[in-house]
Amino acid sequence: MERPTKEQLATIEEIVNHHAGTKGAAIPILQDIQEKLGYVSPAFLKHASDLTRIPASDLYSIVTFYAQFRTEPLGENHLQICHGTACHLAGAEKITDALEHETKTKCGCTSEDGKYTLEKVACIGCCSLAPVINLNGEIHGRLTPEQISKIIENANKGVDGDGN
């Protein structure tokens, strides 16, 4: 298990103290940890458990039940692949396959080099552009699997979707 830094431990303590005495504070505490630290690692859970006296297994159950929580940090590039109805019908699976191939990682994971996190999402809200991905807040639509290598190549160079 990773060892949290002193700064991370202090942040968790601040968060727990902020919610002290509040009934049902487990989810807000975990949300705040993720907001401030980017994810909720098992080591963060253990420290929060020690401070709150909420069993670590209960906190872990919450984190693994709700899709909003991550147990590892995001990669440099966060790729969300829309799998809503319109995108699914327009070929989201093929886009996902191409992204997994180009980034050498699986959906729901971060690449070994820490460059990419792939995440399937229910809907991005750009159905008229299906299939769609969100790369670090930038929407790419009407995609084909053949376009994915150029998008990843540009991301590796730090270039946006317009080539800038």
N, C-alpha and C. Protein backbone atom coordinates (compact mmCIF):
# COMPACT_ATOMS: atom_id res chain seq x y z
N MET A 1 0.85 -1.18 0.00
CA MET A 1 0.00 0.00 0.00
C MET A 1 0.90 1.24 0.00
N GLU A 2 0.52 2.21 -0.82
CA GLU A 2 1.28 3.45 -0.89
C GLU A 2 1.26 4.16 0.46
N ARG A 3 2.25 4.97 0.67
CA ARG A 3 2.31 5.75 1.91
C ARG A 3 1.94 7.20 1.60
N PRO A 4 0.90 7.70 2.24
CA PRO A 4 0.53 9.10 2.00
C PRO A 4 1.61 10.05 2.50
N THR A 5 1.70 11.20 1.84
CA THR A 5 2.64 12.23 2.28
C THR A 5 2.07 12.93 3.52
N LYS A 6 2.92 13.67 4.19
CA LYS A 6 2.47 14.45 5.36
C LYS A 6 1.39 15.44 4.95
N GLU A 7 1.56 16.03 3.76
CA GLU A 7 0.57 17.00 3.27
C GLU A 7 -0.77 16.33 3.02
N GLN A 8 -0.75 15.12 2.45
CA GLN A 8 -2.00 14.40 2.21
C GLN A 8 -2.68 14.03 3.52
N LEU A 9 -1.90 13.57 4.48
CA LEU A 9 -2.46 13.23 5.80
C LEU A 9 -3.08 14.47 6.46
N ALA A 10 -2.40 15.60 6.35
CA ALA A 10 -2.92 16.84 6.94
C ALA A 10 -4.21 17.26 6.25
N THR A 11 -4.28 17.08 4.94
CA THR A 11 -5.49 17.42 4.20
C THR A 11 -6.66 16.56 4.66
N ILE A 12 -6.41 15.27 4.84
CA ILE A 12 -7.46 14.36 5.30
C ILE A 12 -7.92 14.76 6.70
N GLU A 13 -6.97 15.11 7.56
CA GLU A 13 -7.32 15.54 8.92
C GLU A 13 -8.18 16.80 8.89
N GLU A 14 -7.83 17.77 8.03
CA GLU A 14 -8.64 18.99 7.90
C GLU A 14 -10.06 18.65 7.47
N ILE A 15 -10.18 17.76 6.50
CA ILE A 15 -11.49 17.37 5.98
C ILE A 15 -12.31 16.70 7.07
N VAL A 16 -11.72 15.77 7.78
CA VAL A 16 -12.43 15.06 8.85
C VAL A 16 -12.85 16.05 9.95
N ASN A 17 -11.96 16.94 10.30
CA ASN A 17 -12.29 17.94 11.33
C ASN A 17 -13.43 18.84 10.88
N HIS A 18 -13.46 19.18 9.61
CA HIS A 18 -14.53 20.02 9.06
C HIS A 18 -15.89 19.34 9.22
N HIS A 19 -15.91 18.02 9.11
CA HIS A 19 -17.17 17.25 9.19
C HIS A 19 -17.42 16.66 10.57
N ALA A 20 -16.56 16.97 11.53
CA ALA A 20 -16.68 16.39 12.88
C ALA A 20 -18.07 16.62 13.45
N GLY A 21 -18.62 15.56 14.00
CA GLY A 21 -19.92 15.64 14.66
C GLY A 21 -21.11 15.62 13.72
N THR A 22 -20.86 15.55 12.43
CA THR A 22 -21.95 15.52 11.45
C THR A 22 -22.37 14.07 11.21
N LYS A 23 -23.66 13.79 11.42
CA LYS A 23 -24.14 12.44 11.15
C LYS A 23 -24.12 12.18 9.65
N GLY A 24 -23.78 10.96 9.28
CA GLY A 24 -23.77 10.58 7.87
C GLY A 24 -22.70 11.28 7.07
N ALA A 25 -21.57 11.59 7.69
CA ALA A 25 -20.52 12.36 7.02
C ALA A 25 -19.59 11.52 6.15
N ALA A 26 -19.75 10.22 6.12
CA ALA A 26 -18.80 9.38 5.39
C ALA A 26 -18.69 9.78 3.92
N ILE A 27 -19.81 9.89 3.23
CA ILE A 27 -19.76 10.23 1.80
C ILE A 27 -19.20 11.64 1.59
N PRO A 28 -19.67 12.66 2.32
CA PRO A 28 -19.07 13.98 2.13
C PRO A 28 -17.56 14.01 2.42
N ILE A 29 -17.12 13.26 3.41
CA ILE A 29 -15.68 13.19 3.70
C ILE A 29 -14.95 12.59 2.51
N LEU A 30 -15.46 11.49 1.97
CA LEU A 30 -14.81 10.84 0.83
C LEU A 30 -14.85 11.74 -0.40
N GLN A 31 -15.95 12.45 -0.62
CA GLN A 31 -16.04 13.38 -1.74
C GLN A 31 -15.00 14.49 -1.60
N ASP A 32 -14.85 15.01 -0.40
CA ASP A 32 -13.88 16.08 -0.17
C ASP A 32 -12.45 15.59 -0.35
N ILE A 33 -12.18 14.37 0.11
CA ILE A 33 -10.84 13.79 -0.09
C ILE A 33 -10.55 13.71 -1.58
N GLN A 34 -11.50 13.19 -2.34
CA GLN A 34 -11.28 13.07 -3.78
C GLN A 34 -11.13 14.44 -4.44
N GLU A 35 -11.94 15.39 -4.03
CA GLU A 35 -11.86 16.73 -4.61
C GLU A 35 -10.50 17.36 -4.36
N LYS A 36 -9.99 17.20 -3.14
CA LYS A 36 -8.71 17.84 -2.77
C LYS A 36 -7.49 17.05 -3.24
N LEU A 37 -7.58 15.72 -3.19
CA LEU A 37 -6.40 14.89 -3.50
C LEU A 37 -6.49 14.19 -4.85
N GLY A 38 -7.64 14.24 -5.49
CA GLY A 38 -7.78 13.67 -6.83
C GLY A 38 -8.28 12.24 -6.88
N TYR A 39 -8.22 11.55 -5.77
CA TYR A 39 -8.66 10.16 -5.69
C TYR A 39 -8.72 9.76 -4.22
N VAL A 40 -9.23 8.54 -3.97
CA VAL A 40 -9.36 8.04 -2.60
C VAL A 40 -8.66 6.69 -2.53
N SER A 41 -7.39 6.72 -2.18
CA SER A 41 -6.60 5.49 -2.14
C SER A 41 -6.92 4.68 -0.88
N PRO A 42 -6.57 3.40 -0.88
CA PRO A 42 -6.74 2.59 0.34
C PRO A 42 -6.01 3.20 1.55
N ALA A 43 -4.86 3.82 1.31
CA ALA A 43 -4.12 4.45 2.42
C ALA A 43 -4.89 5.66 2.95
N PHE A 44 -5.52 6.42 2.05
CA PHE A 44 -6.33 7.55 2.49
C PHE A 44 -7.53 7.06 3.30
N LEU A 45 -8.12 5.96 2.85
CA LEU A 45 -9.26 5.37 3.56
C LEU A 45 -8.87 4.96 4.96
N LYS A 46 -7.70 4.34 5.09
CA LYS A 46 -7.25 3.89 6.40
C LYS A 46 -7.09 5.07 7.35
N HIS A 47 -6.49 6.14 6.86
CA HIS A 47 -6.29 7.32 7.72
C HIS A 47 -7.63 7.94 8.10
N ALA A 48 -8.53 8.06 7.14
CA ALA A 48 -9.87 8.59 7.44
C ALA A 48 -10.59 7.70 8.44
N SER A 49 -10.42 6.40 8.29
CA SER A 49 -11.04 5.45 9.22
C SER A 49 -10.49 5.63 10.64
N ASP A 50 -9.17 5.77 10.74
CA ASP A 50 -8.55 5.98 12.05
C ASP A 50 -9.07 7.24 12.73
N LEU A 51 -9.28 8.28 11.93
CA LEU A 51 -9.73 9.57 12.48
C LEU A 51 -11.22 9.59 12.83
N THR A 52 -12.02 8.89 12.03
CA THR A 52 -13.48 8.95 12.20
C THR A 52 -14.03 7.79 13.01
N ARG A 53 -13.24 6.74 13.11
CA ARG A 53 -13.67 5.49 13.74
C ARG A 53 -14.76 4.78 12.91
N ILE A 54 -14.90 5.18 11.67
CA ILE A 54 -15.76 4.45 10.72
C ILE A 54 -14.89 3.32 10.18
N PRO A 55 -15.35 2.08 10.26
CA PRO A 55 -14.50 0.97 9.78
C PRO A 55 -14.04 1.20 8.33
N ALA A 56 -12.76 0.92 8.09
CA ALA A 56 -12.19 1.08 6.75
C ALA A 56 -12.98 0.27 5.73
N SER A 57 -13.49 -0.88 6.14
CA SER A 57 -14.26 -1.71 5.21
C SER A 57 -15.55 -1.00 4.79
N ASP A 58 -16.15 -0.23 5.69
CA ASP A 58 -17.35 0.54 5.33
C ASP A 58 -16.99 1.64 4.33
N LEU A 59 -15.90 2.33 4.58
CA LEU A 59 -15.47 3.39 3.66
C LEU A 59 -15.12 2.80 2.29
N TYR A 60 -14.43 1.67 2.31
CA TYR A 60 -14.06 1.02 1.05
C TYR A 60 -15.30 0.59 0.28
N SER A 61 -16.31 0.10 0.99
CA SER A 61 -17.57 -0.30 0.35
C SER A 61 -18.22 0.89 -0.35
N ILE A 62 -18.19 2.03 0.28
CA ILE A 62 -18.77 3.24 -0.32
C ILE A 62 -17.99 3.62 -1.58
N VAL A 63 -16.67 3.64 -1.48
CA VAL A 63 -15.83 4.06 -2.60
C VAL A 63 -15.97 3.12 -3.80
N THR A 64 -16.11 1.84 -3.54
CA THR A 64 -16.22 0.90 -4.65
C THR A 64 -17.64 0.75 -5.17
N PHE A 65 -18.62 1.21 -4.40
CA PHE A 65 -20.01 1.12 -4.85
C PHE A 65 -20.36 2.28 -5.79
N TYR A 66 -19.95 3.49 -5.43
CA TYR A 66 -20.33 4.67 -6.19
C TYR A 66 -19.31 4.96 -7.29
N ALA A 67 -19.81 5.13 -8.52
CA ALA A 67 -18.94 5.36 -9.68
C ALA A 67 -18.21 6.69 -9.60
N GLN A 68 -18.65 7.61 -8.76
CA GLN A 68 -18.00 8.92 -8.68
C GLN A 68 -16.61 8.87 -8.08
N PHE A 69 -16.29 7.76 -7.37
CA PHE A 69 -15.01 7.68 -6.68
C PHE A 69 -13.97 6.93 -7.50
N ARG A 70 -12.71 7.38 -7.37
CA ARG A 70 -11.56 6.71 -7.98
C ARG A 70 -10.61 6.29 -6.87
N THR A 71 -10.01 5.11 -7.01
CA THR A 71 -9.07 4.64 -6.00
C THR A 71 -7.62 4.81 -6.44
N GLU A 72 -7.43 5.36 -7.64
CA GLU A 72 -6.07 5.66 -8.09
C GLU A 72 -6.10 7.00 -8.83
N PRO A 73 -4.96 7.66 -8.90
CA PRO A 73 -4.94 8.97 -9.55
C PRO A 73 -5.22 8.87 -11.04
N LEU A 74 -5.77 9.94 -11.59
CA LEU A 74 -5.98 10.01 -13.03
C LEU A 74 -4.65 10.14 -13.73
N GLY A 75 -4.60 9.67 -14.97
CA GLY A 75 -3.42 9.88 -15.79
C GLY A 75 -3.33 11.34 -16.23
N GLU A 76 -2.23 11.68 -16.88
CA GLU A 76 -2.06 13.04 -17.41
C GLU A 76 -3.22 13.42 -18.32
N ASN A 77 -3.71 12.45 -19.05
CA ASN A 77 -4.82 12.66 -19.99
C ASN A 77 -5.99 11.80 -19.58
N HIS A 78 -7.12 12.47 -19.33
CA HIS A 78 -8.33 11.77 -18.90
C HIS A 78 -9.26 11.66 -20.11
N LEU A 79 -9.50 10.44 -20.54
CA LEU A 79 -10.35 10.16 -21.70
C LEU A 79 -11.65 9.54 -21.24
N GLN A 80 -12.74 10.23 -21.50
CA GLN A 80 -14.07 9.68 -21.21
C GLN A 80 -14.70 9.31 -22.55
N ILE A 81 -15.12 8.07 -22.66
CA ILE A 81 -15.74 7.58 -23.89
C ILE A 81 -17.23 7.43 -23.63
N CYS A 82 -18.03 8.17 -24.41
CA CYS A 82 -19.47 8.12 -24.24
C CYS A 82 -20.01 6.78 -24.73
N HIS A 83 -20.82 6.15 -23.90
CA HIS A 83 -21.49 4.90 -24.26
C HIS A 83 -23.00 5.04 -24.09
N GLY A 84 -23.48 6.30 -24.22
CA GLY A 84 -24.92 6.52 -24.24
C GLY A 84 -25.51 5.89 -25.49
N THR A 85 -26.82 5.89 -25.58
CA THR A 85 -27.50 5.21 -26.68
C THR A 85 -27.01 5.66 -28.05
N ALA A 86 -26.99 6.97 -28.29
CA ALA A 86 -26.58 7.48 -29.61
C ALA A 86 -25.15 7.08 -29.93
N CYS A 87 -24.26 7.21 -28.97
CA CYS A 87 -22.85 6.85 -29.20
C CYS A 87 -22.68 5.35 -29.36
N HIS A 88 -23.42 4.60 -28.56
CA HIS A 88 -23.35 3.15 -28.68
C HIS A 88 -23.76 2.71 -30.09
N LEU A 89 -24.87 3.25 -30.57
CA LEU A 89 -25.36 2.90 -31.90
C LEU A 89 -24.42 3.38 -33.00
N ALA A 90 -23.67 4.46 -32.74
CA ALA A 90 -22.77 5.03 -33.74
C ALA A 90 -21.36 4.42 -33.70
N GLY A 91 -21.12 3.46 -32.80
CA GLY A 91 -19.83 2.76 -32.81
C GLY A 91 -18.91 3.02 -31.64
N ALA A 92 -19.46 3.34 -30.47
CA ALA A 92 -18.62 3.62 -29.30
C ALA A 92 -17.69 2.46 -28.95
N GLU A 93 -18.14 1.23 -29.15
CA GLU A 93 -17.27 0.07 -28.82
C GLU A 93 -16.01 0.06 -29.68
N LYS A 94 -16.16 0.40 -30.96
CA LYS A 94 -14.99 0.43 -31.85
C LYS A 94 -14.06 1.57 -31.46
N ILE A 95 -14.62 2.69 -31.02
CA ILE A 95 -13.80 3.81 -30.55
C ILE A 95 -13.06 3.39 -29.28
N THR A 96 -13.76 2.71 -28.39
CA THR A 96 -13.14 2.22 -27.16
C THR A 96 -11.99 1.27 -27.48
N ASP A 97 -12.23 0.32 -28.38
CA ASP A 97 -11.17 -0.63 -28.78
C ASP A 97 -9.96 0.11 -29.32
N ALA A 98 -10.18 1.11 -30.18
CA ALA A 98 -9.08 1.87 -30.76
C ALA A 98 -8.31 2.64 -29.69
N LEU A 99 -9.03 3.23 -28.73
CA LEU A 99 -8.37 3.95 -27.64
C LEU A 99 -7.56 3.01 -26.76
N GLU A 100 -8.12 1.85 -26.46
CA GLU A 100 -7.37 0.88 -25.65
C GLU A 100 -6.10 0.45 -26.38
N HIS A 101 -6.20 0.26 -27.67
CA HIS A 101 -5.02 -0.14 -28.47
C HIS A 101 -3.97 0.99 -28.48
N GLU A 102 -4.39 2.20 -28.75
CA GLU A 102 -3.46 3.33 -28.87
C GLU A 102 -2.81 3.72 -27.54
N THR A 103 -3.56 3.59 -26.45
CA THR A 103 -3.02 3.99 -25.14
C THR A 103 -2.41 2.83 -24.37
N LYS A 104 -2.58 1.64 -24.90
CA LYS A 104 -2.06 0.42 -24.26
C LYS A 104 -2.60 0.25 -22.84
N THR A 105 -3.90 0.54 -22.69
CA THR A 105 -4.55 0.33 -21.40
C THR A 105 -6.01 -0.05 -21.62
N LYS A 106 -6.65 -0.51 -20.60
CA LYS A 106 -8.05 -0.92 -20.66
C LYS A 106 -8.93 0.17 -20.05
N CYS A 107 -10.18 0.17 -20.46
CA CYS A 107 -11.16 1.10 -19.89
C CYS A 107 -11.27 0.85 -18.39
N GLY A 108 -11.35 1.93 -17.65
CA GLY A 108 -11.42 1.83 -16.20
C GLY A 108 -10.05 1.82 -15.55
N CYS A 109 -9.00 1.94 -16.36
CA CYS A 109 -7.63 1.87 -15.85
C CYS A 109 -6.81 3.06 -16.31
N THR A 110 -5.65 3.19 -15.68
CA THR A 110 -4.66 4.17 -16.07
C THR A 110 -3.48 3.42 -16.67
N SER A 111 -2.94 3.94 -17.77
CA SER A 111 -1.82 3.28 -18.44
C SER A 111 -0.62 3.20 -17.50
N GLU A 112 0.22 2.21 -17.73
CA GLU A 112 1.39 2.00 -16.85
C GLU A 112 2.29 3.22 -16.79
N ASP A 113 2.38 3.97 -17.89
CA ASP A 113 3.23 5.16 -17.91
C ASP A 113 2.55 6.37 -17.28
N GLY A 114 1.29 6.22 -16.85
CA GLY A 114 0.57 7.30 -16.18
C GLY A 114 0.06 8.38 -17.13
N LYS A 115 0.14 8.13 -18.43
CA LYS A 115 -0.28 9.15 -19.40
C LYS A 115 -1.78 9.19 -19.64
N TYR A 116 -2.45 8.04 -19.54
CA TYR A 116 -3.86 7.97 -19.93
C TYR A 116 -4.71 7.23 -18.91
N THR A 117 -5.87 7.80 -18.62
CA THR A 117 -6.92 7.10 -17.89
C THR A 117 -8.11 7.04 -18.83
N LEU A 118 -8.61 5.82 -19.07
CA LEU A 118 -9.77 5.62 -19.93
C LEU A 118 -10.98 5.32 -19.05
N GLU A 119 -12.09 5.95 -19.38
CA GLU A 119 -13.30 5.79 -18.58
C GLU A 119 -14.52 5.79 -19.48
N LYS A 120 -15.33 4.74 -19.37
CA LYS A 120 -16.63 4.72 -20.06
C LYS A 120 -17.59 5.55 -19.23
N VAL A 121 -18.37 6.41 -19.92
CA VAL A 121 -19.39 7.20 -19.24
C VAL A 121 -20.73 6.98 -19.92
N ALA A 122 -21.78 7.19 -19.16
CA ALA A 122 -23.14 6.92 -19.67
C ALA A 122 -23.55 7.92 -20.74
N CYS A 123 -23.21 9.18 -20.58
CA CYS A 123 -23.59 10.18 -21.58
C CYS A 123 -22.77 11.44 -21.36
N ILE A 124 -22.24 11.97 -22.44
CA ILE A 124 -21.50 13.24 -22.38
C ILE A 124 -22.43 14.40 -22.72
N GLY A 125 -23.53 14.10 -23.42
CA GLY A 125 -24.50 15.13 -23.74
C GLY A 125 -24.29 15.77 -25.10
N CYS A 126 -23.59 15.09 -25.96
CA CYS A 126 -23.34 15.60 -27.31
C CYS A 126 -23.83 14.59 -28.34
N CYS A 127 -25.06 14.14 -28.16
CA CYS A 127 -25.60 13.04 -28.96
C CYS A 127 -25.56 13.32 -30.46
N SER A 128 -25.71 14.56 -30.87
CA SER A 128 -25.69 14.88 -32.30
C SER A 128 -24.31 14.71 -32.91
N LEU A 129 -23.28 14.56 -32.05
CA LEU A 129 -21.90 14.38 -32.53
C LEU A 129 -21.42 12.94 -32.38
N ALA A 130 -22.32 12.02 -32.08
CA ALA A 130 -21.95 10.63 -31.77
C ALA A 130 -21.14 9.99 -32.91
N PRO A 131 -20.19 9.13 -32.52
CA PRO A 131 -19.67 8.84 -31.18
C PRO A 131 -18.70 9.92 -30.72
N VAL A 132 -18.66 10.11 -29.40
CA VAL A 132 -17.96 11.24 -28.79
C VAL A 132 -17.01 10.77 -27.70
N ILE A 133 -15.88 11.48 -27.59
CA ILE A 133 -15.01 11.33 -26.42
C ILE A 133 -14.73 12.71 -25.85
N ASN A 134 -14.39 12.73 -24.58
CA ASN A 134 -13.96 13.93 -23.90
C ASN A 134 -12.52 13.69 -23.49
N LEU A 135 -11.61 14.46 -24.03
CA LEU A 135 -10.19 14.34 -23.70
C LEU A 135 -9.79 15.62 -22.97
N ASN A 136 -9.62 15.50 -21.66
CA ASN A 136 -9.22 16.63 -20.82
C ASN A 136 -10.14 17.84 -21.00
N GLY A 137 -11.44 17.57 -21.11
CA GLY A 137 -12.40 18.64 -21.23
C GLY A 137 -12.67 19.09 -22.66
N GLU A 138 -11.98 18.53 -23.62
CA GLU A 138 -12.18 18.86 -25.03
C GLU A 138 -12.98 17.75 -25.70
N ILE A 139 -14.09 18.12 -26.33
CA ILE A 139 -14.96 17.14 -26.97
C ILE A 139 -14.48 16.86 -28.40
N HIS A 140 -14.43 15.59 -28.72
CA HIS A 140 -14.12 15.13 -30.09
C HIS A 140 -15.33 14.32 -30.53
N GLY A 141 -15.93 14.71 -31.63
CA GLY A 141 -17.14 14.02 -32.08
C GLY A 141 -17.07 13.54 -33.51
N ARG A 142 -18.13 12.76 -33.85
CA ARG A 142 -18.26 12.11 -35.16
C ARG A 142 -16.98 11.32 -35.47
N LEU A 143 -16.56 10.56 -34.48
CA LEU A 143 -15.29 9.86 -34.57
C LEU A 143 -15.39 8.55 -35.35
N THR A 144 -14.26 8.20 -35.92
CA THR A 144 -14.06 6.87 -36.50
C THR A 144 -12.85 6.28 -35.81
N PRO A 145 -12.73 4.97 -35.78
CA PRO A 145 -11.55 4.36 -35.14
C PRO A 145 -10.24 4.85 -35.77
N GLU A 146 -10.27 5.19 -37.04
CA GLU A 146 -9.06 5.64 -37.73
C GLU A 146 -8.58 7.00 -37.22
N GLN A 147 -9.46 7.80 -36.67
CA GLN A 147 -9.07 9.12 -36.17
C GLN A 147 -8.39 9.07 -34.80
N ILE A 148 -8.55 7.97 -34.12
CA ILE A 148 -8.06 7.88 -32.74
C ILE A 148 -6.54 8.00 -32.66
N SER A 149 -5.80 7.39 -33.56
CA SER A 149 -4.34 7.45 -33.48
C SER A 149 -3.85 8.89 -33.58
N LYS A 150 -4.48 9.72 -34.42
CA LYS A 150 -4.08 11.13 -34.56
C LYS A 150 -4.40 11.90 -33.27
N ILE A 151 -5.55 11.62 -32.67
CA ILE A 151 -5.92 12.30 -31.42
C ILE A 151 -4.91 11.96 -30.33
N ILE A 152 -4.53 10.70 -30.22
CA ILE A 152 -3.56 10.28 -29.21
C ILE A 152 -2.18 10.84 -29.53
N GLU A 153 -1.81 10.84 -30.79
CA GLU A 153 -0.52 11.42 -31.21
C GLU A 153 -0.46 12.90 -30.81
N ASN A 154 -1.54 13.65 -31.06
CA ASN A 154 -1.59 15.06 -30.67
C ASN A 154 -1.53 15.22 -29.16
N ALA A 155 -2.22 14.36 -28.43
CA ALA A 155 -2.19 14.43 -26.95
C ALA A 155 -0.77 14.18 -26.45
N ASN A 156 -0.07 13.24 -27.08
CA ASN A 156 1.31 12.95 -26.68
C ASN A 156 2.24 14.15 -26.92
N LYS A 157 1.91 14.93 -27.94
CA LYS A 157 2.71 16.12 -28.27
C LYS A 157 2.25 17.34 -27.49
N GLY A 158 1.11 17.20 -26.79
CA GLY A 158 0.55 18.35 -26.07
C GLY A 158 -0.17 19.31 -26.99
N VAL A 159 -0.68 18.77 -28.10
CA VAL A 159 -1.39 19.58 -29.09
C VAL A 159 -2.88 19.36 -28.91
N ASP A 160 -3.69 20.40 -29.07
CA ASP A 160 -5.13 20.24 -28.95
C ASP A 160 -5.70 19.64 -30.24
N GLY A 161 -6.99 19.39 -30.24
CA GLY A 161 -7.65 18.72 -31.37
C GLY A 161 -7.59 19.50 -32.67
N ASP A 162 -7.30 20.82 -32.57
CA ASP A 162 -7.21 21.64 -33.77
C ASP A 162 -5.78 21.72 -34.30
N GLY A 163 -4.85 20.97 -33.66
CA GLY A 163 -3.47 20.97 -34.10
C GLY A 163 -2.65 22.11 -33.53
N ASN A 164 -3.17 22.81 -32.52
CA ASN A 164 -2.43 23.94 -31.93
C ASN A 164 -1.68 23.55 -30.68
